[in-house]
């Protein structure tokens, strides 16, 4: 995300999004989830059991996005976040690496966090000892790297977007209530 956020050109941002290896081994052991774009373009088979994924996917579509031929050939007619990131990088829509990075965070990473929480719940319900690794992954994706607790101008993940929103409402440094509540919930879930 940082490479997209700080990119000085659309090409550099697109390369970081589509080709940059964010997770060399694949997120949560999924070898197809190694790039930021794959969090959207490879999401369907991985998130097929996540109800919120379908809401998130189809709540944003236009009917013409779903050509019957695309549906019948098994391709994903609307890879939910990828289309928005593509638009943010398009010259006709602003060509903004920072907007593309924010869209990647708000859509692709956020949905992967939700998926990790679903996985943790499924693992816990089945009595597996793997539940904590999915919870840890969700927390890691939420906070990201280089994030200072309660700071506004650090980090490149969902936590930092919440901090930016907190700042836009005139607040001074300090943890945004949304981040504080989520961090408390993550800590409580670890205890359970």
C-alpha atoms as a PDB file:
ATOM      1  CA  UNK A   1       0.000   0.000   0.000  1.00  0.00           C
ATOM      2  CA  UNK A   2       2.789   2.391   0.877  1.00  0.00           C
ATOM      3  CA  UNK A   3       4.232   2.037  -2.637  1.00  0.00           C
ATOM      4  CA  UNK A   4       0.851   2.924  -4.137  1.00  0.00           C
ATOM      5  CA  UNK A   5       0.231   5.749  -1.653  1.00  0.00           C
ATOM      6  CA  UNK A   6       3.591   7.387  -2.282  1.00  0.00           C
ATOM      7  CA  UNK A   7       3.831   6.625  -6.028  1.00  0.00           C
ATOM      8  CA  UNK A   8       4.810   9.561  -8.180  1.00  0.00           C
ATOM      9  CA  UNK A   9       3.097   8.169 -11.270  1.00  0.00           C
ATOM     10  CA  UNK A  10       0.039   6.145 -12.181  1.00  0.00           C
ATOM     11  CA  UNK A  11       2.254   3.472 -13.745  1.00  0.00           C
ATOM     12  CA  UNK A  12       4.211   3.041 -10.506  1.00  0.00           C
ATOM     13  CA  UNK A  13       0.989   2.813  -8.497  1.00  0.00           C
ATOM     14  CA  UNK A  14      -0.523   0.295 -10.929  1.00  0.00           C
ATOM     15  CA  UNK A  15       2.641  -1.791 -10.816  1.00  0.00           C
ATOM     16  CA  UNK A  16       2.601  -1.817  -7.006  1.00  0.00           C
ATOM     17  CA  UNK A  17      -1.082  -2.814  -7.062  1.00  0.00           C
ATOM     18  CA  UNK A  18      -0.897  -5.507  -9.738  1.00  0.00           C
ATOM     19  CA  UNK A  19       2.661  -6.840  -9.536  1.00  0.00           C
ATOM     20  CA  UNK A  20       4.088  -5.923  -6.155  1.00  0.00           C
ATOM     21  CA  UNK A  21       4.361  -8.913  -3.876  1.00  0.00           C
ATOM     22  CA  UNK A  22       2.662  -7.952  -0.649  1.00  0.00           C
ATOM     23  CA  UNK A  23       2.537 -11.435   0.843  1.00  0.00           C
ATOM     24  CA  UNK A  24       5.084 -13.770  -0.815  1.00  0.00           C
ATOM     25  CA  UNK A  25       3.481 -16.972   0.505  1.00  0.00           C
ATOM     26  CA  UNK A  26      -0.084 -15.812   0.040  1.00  0.00           C
ATOM     27  CA  UNK A  27      -2.388 -14.447   2.694  1.00  0.00           C
ATOM     28  CA  UNK A  28      -3.607 -17.135   5.095  1.00  0.00           C
ATOM     29  CA  UNK A  29      -1.915 -19.821   3.062  1.00  0.00           C
ATOM     30  CA  UNK A  30      -3.824 -18.930  -0.125  1.00  0.00           C
ATOM     31  CA  UNK A  31      -1.135 -18.965  -2.842  1.00  0.00           C
ATOM     32  CA  UNK A  32      -3.332 -16.844  -5.118  1.00  0.00           C
ATOM     33  CA  UNK A  33      -3.395 -13.925  -2.646  1.00  0.00           C
ATOM     34  CA  UNK A  34       0.026 -12.365  -3.075  1.00  0.00           C
ATOM     35  CA  UNK A  35      -0.731  -8.959  -4.610  1.00  0.00           C
ATOM     36  CA  UNK A  36      -3.083  -6.164  -3.600  1.00  0.00           C
ATOM     37  CA  UNK A  37      -5.131  -6.676  -6.763  1.00  0.00           C
ATOM     38  CA  UNK A  38      -5.551 -10.375  -5.994  1.00  0.00           C
ATOM     39  CA  UNK A  39      -7.435  -9.452  -2.818  1.00  0.00           C
ATOM     40  CA  UNK A  40     -10.222  -8.542  -5.240  1.00  0.00           C
ATOM     41  CA  UNK A  41      -9.597 -10.462  -8.451  1.00  0.00           C
ATOM     42  CA  UNK A  42      -9.058 -13.817  -6.699  1.00  0.00           C
ATOM     43  CA  UNK A  43     -11.622 -13.290  -3.966  1.00  0.00           C
ATOM     44  CA  UNK A  44     -14.649 -15.208  -5.263  1.00  0.00           C
ATOM     45  CA  UNK A  45     -13.486 -18.774  -4.554  1.00  0.00           C
ATOM     46  CA  UNK A  46     -11.857 -17.773  -1.278  1.00  0.00           C
ATOM     47  CA  UNK A  47     -14.760 -15.743   0.120  1.00  0.00           C
ATOM     48  CA  UNK A  48     -17.577 -17.904  -1.240  1.00  0.00           C
ATOM     49  CA  UNK A  49     -18.810 -18.724   2.285  1.00  0.00           C
ATOM     50  CA  UNK A  50     -18.780 -15.132   3.516  1.00  0.00           C
ATOM     51  CA  UNK A  51     -22.257 -13.582   3.416  1.00  0.00           C
ATOM     52  CA  UNK A  52     -20.999 -10.019   3.682  1.00  0.00           C
ATOM     53  CA  UNK A  53     -18.829 -10.575   0.601  1.00  0.00           C
ATOM     54  CA  UNK A  54     -21.917 -11.043  -1.566  1.00  0.00           C
ATOM     55  CA  UNK A  55     -23.569  -7.977  -0.138  1.00  0.00           C
ATOM     56  CA  UNK A  56     -20.416  -5.969  -0.752  1.00  0.00           C
ATOM     57  CA  UNK A  57     -19.993  -7.400  -4.244  1.00  0.00           C
ATOM     58  CA  UNK A  58     -23.486  -6.994  -5.607  1.00  0.00           C
ATOM     59  CA  UNK A  59     -24.670  -3.902  -3.749  1.00  0.00           C
ATOM     60  CA  UNK A  60     -22.457  -1.768  -5.989  1.00  0.00           C
ATOM     61  CA  UNK A  61     -23.183  -3.230  -9.426  1.00  0.00           C
ATOM     62  CA  UNK A  62     -25.104  -1.871 -12.364  1.00  0.00           C
ATOM     63  CA  UNK A  63     -27.247  -4.322 -14.314  1.00  0.00           C
ATOM     64  CA  UNK A  64     -25.167  -3.875 -17.459  1.00  0.00           C
ATOM     65  CA  UNK A  65     -22.089  -5.086 -15.535  1.00  0.00           C
ATOM     66  CA  UNK A  66     -23.575  -8.569 -15.529  1.00  0.00           C
ATOM     67  CA  UNK A  67     -23.583  -9.724 -19.111  1.00  0.00           C
ATOM     68  CA  UNK A  68     -25.161 -13.182 -19.247  1.00  0.00           C
ATOM     69  CA  UNK A  69     -22.221 -14.606 -21.227  1.00  0.00           C
ATOM     70  CA  UNK A  70     -19.772 -13.577 -18.496  1.00  0.00           C
ATOM     71  CA  UNK A  71     -21.864 -15.281 -15.838  1.00  0.00           C
ATOM     72  CA  UNK A  72     -22.163 -18.474 -17.860  1.00  0.00           C
ATOM     73  CA  UNK A  73     -18.450 -18.767 -18.620  1.00  0.00           C
ATOM     74  CA  UNK A  74     -17.556 -18.717 -14.911  1.00  0.00           C
ATOM     75  CA  UNK A  75     -15.653 -15.416 -14.913  1.00  0.00           C
ATOM     76  CA  UNK A  76     -16.312 -12.867 -12.230  1.00  0.00           C
ATOM     77  CA  UNK A  77     -18.362 -10.146 -13.969  1.00  0.00           C
ATOM     78  CA  UNK A  78     -17.436  -7.508 -11.384  1.00  0.00           C
ATOM     79  CA  UNK A  79     -14.364  -8.047  -9.208  1.00  0.00           C
ATOM     80  CA  UNK A  80     -15.701  -5.739  -6.518  1.00  0.00           C
ATOM     81  CA  UNK A  81     -12.757  -3.543  -5.535  1.00  0.00           C
ATOM     82  CA  UNK A  82     -10.581  -3.933  -8.607  1.00  0.00           C
ATOM     83  CA  UNK A  83     -12.925  -1.938 -10.823  1.00  0.00           C
ATOM     84  CA  UNK A  84     -12.871   1.011  -8.439  1.00  0.00           C
ATOM     85  CA  UNK A  85      -9.073   0.974  -8.108  1.00  0.00           C
ATOM     86  CA  UNK A  86      -8.810   0.813 -11.904  1.00  0.00           C
ATOM     87  CA  UNK A  87     -11.049   3.876 -12.200  1.00  0.00           C
ATOM     88  CA  UNK A  88      -8.953   5.785  -9.668  1.00  0.00           C
ATOM     89  CA  UNK A  89      -5.882   5.157 -11.806  1.00  0.00           C
ATOM     90  CA  UNK A  90      -7.644   6.007 -15.069  1.00  0.00           C
ATOM     91  CA  UNK A  91      -6.787   9.349 -16.688  1.00  0.00           C
ATOM     92  CA  UNK A  92     -10.475  10.131 -17.234  1.00  0.00           C
ATOM     93  CA  UNK A  93     -11.175   9.754 -13.518  1.00  0.00           C
ATOM     94  CA  UNK A  94      -8.325  11.666 -11.907  1.00  0.00           C
ATOM     95  CA  UNK A  95      -5.329   9.329 -12.277  1.00  0.00           C
ATOM     96  CA  UNK A  96      -4.694   9.469  -8.535  1.00  0.00           C
ATOM     97  CA  UNK A  97      -2.298   6.953  -6.952  1.00  0.00           C
ATOM     98  CA  UNK A  98      -3.377   8.068  -3.453  1.00  0.00           C
ATOM     99  CA  UNK A  99      -7.077   7.625  -4.271  1.00  0.00           C
ATOM    100  CA  UNK A 100      -6.296   4.192  -5.736  1.00  0.00           C
ATOM    101  CA  UNK A 101      -4.400   3.275  -2.547  1.00  0.00           C
ATOM    102  CA  UNK A 102      -7.307   4.466  -0.403  1.00  0.00           C
ATOM    103  CA  UNK A 103      -9.761   2.452  -2.553  1.00  0.00           C
ATOM    104  CA  UNK A 104      -7.532  -0.612  -2.179  1.00  0.00           C
ATOM    105  CA  UNK A 105      -7.574  -0.171   1.588  1.00  0.00           C
ATOM    106  CA  UNK A 106     -11.275   0.623   1.907  1.00  0.00           C
ATOM    107  CA  UNK A 107     -12.445  -2.136  -0.399  1.00  0.00           C
ATOM    108  CA  UNK A 108      -9.905  -4.901  -0.958  1.00  0.00           C
ATOM    109  CA  UNK A 109      -8.162  -4.887   2.407  1.00  0.00           C
ATOM    110  CA  UNK A 110     -11.325  -4.223   4.395  1.00  0.00           C
ATOM    111  CA  UNK A 111     -13.111  -7.160   2.783  1.00  0.00           C
ATOM    112  CA  UNK A 112     -10.083  -9.397   3.418  1.00  0.00           C
ATOM    113  CA  UNK A 113     -10.187  -8.354   7.081  1.00  0.00           C
ATOM    114  CA  UNK A 114     -13.855  -9.348   7.195  1.00  0.00           C
ATOM    115  CA  UNK A 115     -12.976 -12.659   5.530  1.00  0.00           C
ATOM    116  CA  UNK A 116     -10.252 -13.323   8.094  1.00  0.00           C
ATOM    117  CA  UNK A 117     -12.782 -12.710  10.870  1.00  0.00           C
ATOM    118  CA  UNK A 118     -15.238 -15.114   9.209  1.00  0.00           C
ATOM    119  CA  UNK A 119     -12.453 -17.709   8.958  1.00  0.00           C
ATOM    120  CA  UNK A 120     -11.530 -17.227  12.599  1.00  0.00           C
ATOM    121  CA  UNK A 121     -15.158 -17.723  13.610  1.00  0.00           C
ATOM    122  CA  UNK A 122     -15.497 -20.851  11.453  1.00  0.00           C
ATOM    123  CA  UNK A 123     -12.273 -22.307  12.859  1.00  0.00           C
ATOM    124  CA  UNK A 124     -13.322 -21.529  16.426  1.00  0.00           C
ATOM    125  CA  UNK A 125     -16.771 -23.074  15.868  1.00  0.00           C
ATOM    126  CA  UNK A 126     -15.209 -26.260  14.549  1.00  0.00           C
ATOM    127  CA  UNK A 127     -12.921 -26.539  17.569  1.00  0.00           C
ATOM    128  CA  UNK A 128      -9.774 -25.896  15.527  1.00  0.00           C
ATOM    129  CA  UNK A 129      -6.745 -24.301  17.094  1.00  0.00           C
ATOM    130  CA  UNK A 130      -6.169 -22.237  13.914  1.00  0.00           C
ATOM    131  CA  UNK A 131      -8.682 -19.515  14.831  1.00  0.00           C
ATOM    132  CA  UNK A 132      -6.072 -17.152  16.378  1.00  0.00           C
ATOM    133  CA  UNK A 133      -3.977 -16.992  13.212  1.00  0.00           C
ATOM    134  CA  UNK A 134      -6.934 -15.589  11.267  1.00  0.00           C
ATOM    135  CA  UNK A 135      -7.671 -13.088  14.014  1.00  0.00           C
ATOM    136  CA  UNK A 136      -4.010 -12.046  14.078  1.00  0.00           C
ATOM    137  CA  UNK A 137      -4.077 -11.638  10.312  1.00  0.00           C
ATOM    138  CA  UNK A 138      -7.174  -9.413  10.545  1.00  0.00           C
ATOM    139  CA  UNK A 139      -5.484  -7.238  13.181  1.00  0.00           C
ATOM    140  CA  UNK A 140      -2.311  -7.040  11.087  1.00  0.00           C
ATOM    141  CA  UNK A 141      -4.269  -5.974   8.015  1.00  0.00           C
ATOM    142  CA  UNK A 142      -6.226  -3.409  10.046  1.00  0.00           C
ATOM    143  CA  UNK A 143      -3.145  -1.771  11.576  1.00  0.00           C
ATOM    144  CA  UNK A 144      -0.661  -2.277   8.751  1.00  0.00           C
ATOM    145  CA  UNK A 145       2.931  -1.120   8.934  1.00  0.00           C
ATOM    146  CA  UNK A 146       4.484   2.040  10.306  1.00  0.00           C
ATOM    147  CA  UNK A 147       1.333   3.017  12.197  1.00  0.00           C
ATOM    148  CA  UNK A 148       1.795   4.973  15.400  1.00  0.00           C
ATOM    149  CA  UNK A 149      -0.959   4.511  17.957  1.00  0.00           C
ATOM    150  CA  UNK A 150      -3.384   7.404  17.746  1.00  0.00           C
ATOM    151  CA  UNK A 151      -1.271   9.298  15.210  1.00  0.00           C
ATOM    152  CA  UNK A 152      -2.685  10.943  12.097  1.00  0.00           C
ATOM    153  CA  UNK A 153       0.174  10.952   9.622  1.00  0.00           C
ATOM    154  CA  UNK A 154       1.590   7.445   9.882  1.00  0.00           C
ATOM    155  CA  UNK A 155       0.642   4.074   8.475  1.00  0.00           C
ATOM    156  CA  UNK A 156      -0.975   2.825   5.298  1.00  0.00           C
ATOM    157  CA  UNK A 157      -3.967   0.702   6.218  1.00  0.00           C
ATOM    158  CA  UNK A 158      -7.536   0.820   7.477  1.00  0.00           C
ATOM    159  CA  UNK A 159      -6.414   2.154  10.853  1.00  0.00           C
ATOM    160  CA  UNK A 160      -4.762   5.131   9.139  1.00  0.00           C
ATOM    161  CA  UNK A 161      -7.903   5.869   7.065  1.00  0.00           C
ATOM    162  CA  UNK A 162      -9.951   5.947  10.258  1.00  0.00           C
ATOM    163  CA  UNK A 163      -7.365   8.274  11.784  1.00  0.00           C
ATOM    164  CA  UNK A 164      -7.602  10.560   8.737  1.00  0.00           C
ATOM    165  CA  UNK A 165     -11.394  10.684   9.056  1.00  0.00           C
ATOM    166  CA  UNK A 166     -11.036  11.469  12.768  1.00  0.00           C
ATOM    167  CA  UNK A 167      -8.726  14.364  11.870  1.00  0.00           C
ATOM    168  CA  UNK A 168     -11.150  15.696   9.230  1.00  0.00           C
ATOM    169  CA  UNK A 169     -13.691  16.241  12.003  1.00  0.00           C
ATOM    170  CA  UNK A 170     -11.278  18.565  13.795  1.00  0.00           C
ATOM    171  CA  UNK A 171      -9.931  16.138  16.355  1.00  0.00           C
ATOM    172  CA  UNK A 172      -6.394  16.349  17.677  1.00  0.00           C
ATOM    173  CA  UNK A 173      -3.950  13.454  17.875  1.00  0.00           C
ATOM    174  CA  UNK A 174      -5.430  10.512  19.672  1.00  0.00           C
ATOM    175  CA  UNK A 175      -6.924   7.224  18.661  1.00  0.00           C
ATOM    176  CA  UNK A 176     -10.127   7.516  16.628  1.00  0.00           C
ATOM    177  CA  UNK A 177     -13.086   5.989  18.507  1.00  0.00           C
ATOM    178  CA  UNK A 178     -13.591   3.463  15.687  1.00  0.00           C
ATOM    179  CA  UNK A 179      -9.996   2.281  16.029  1.00  0.00           C
ATOM    180  CA  UNK A 180     -10.192   2.230  19.806  1.00  0.00           C
ATOM    181  CA  UNK A 181     -13.399   0.172  19.778  1.00  0.00           C
ATOM    182  CA  UNK A 182     -12.060  -2.276  17.206  1.00  0.00           C
ATOM    183  CA  UNK A 183      -8.765  -2.737  19.008  1.00  0.00           C
ATOM    184  CA  UNK A 184     -10.697  -3.428  22.215  1.00  0.00           C
ATOM    185  CA  UNK A 185     -12.846  -5.977  20.338  1.00  0.00           C
ATOM    186  CA  UNK A 186      -9.759  -7.652  18.855  1.00  0.00           C
ATOM    187  CA  UNK A 187      -8.197  -7.921  22.316  1.00  0.00           C
ATOM    188  CA  UNK A 188     -11.425  -9.326  23.775  1.00  0.00           C
ATOM    189  CA  UNK A 189     -11.671 -11.887  20.940  1.00  0.00           C
ATOM    190  CA  UNK A 190      -8.156 -13.133  21.753  1.00  0.00           C
ATOM    191  CA  UNK A 191      -9.233 -13.884  25.294  1.00  0.00           C
ATOM    192  CA  UNK A 192     -12.276 -15.871  24.183  1.00  0.00           C
END
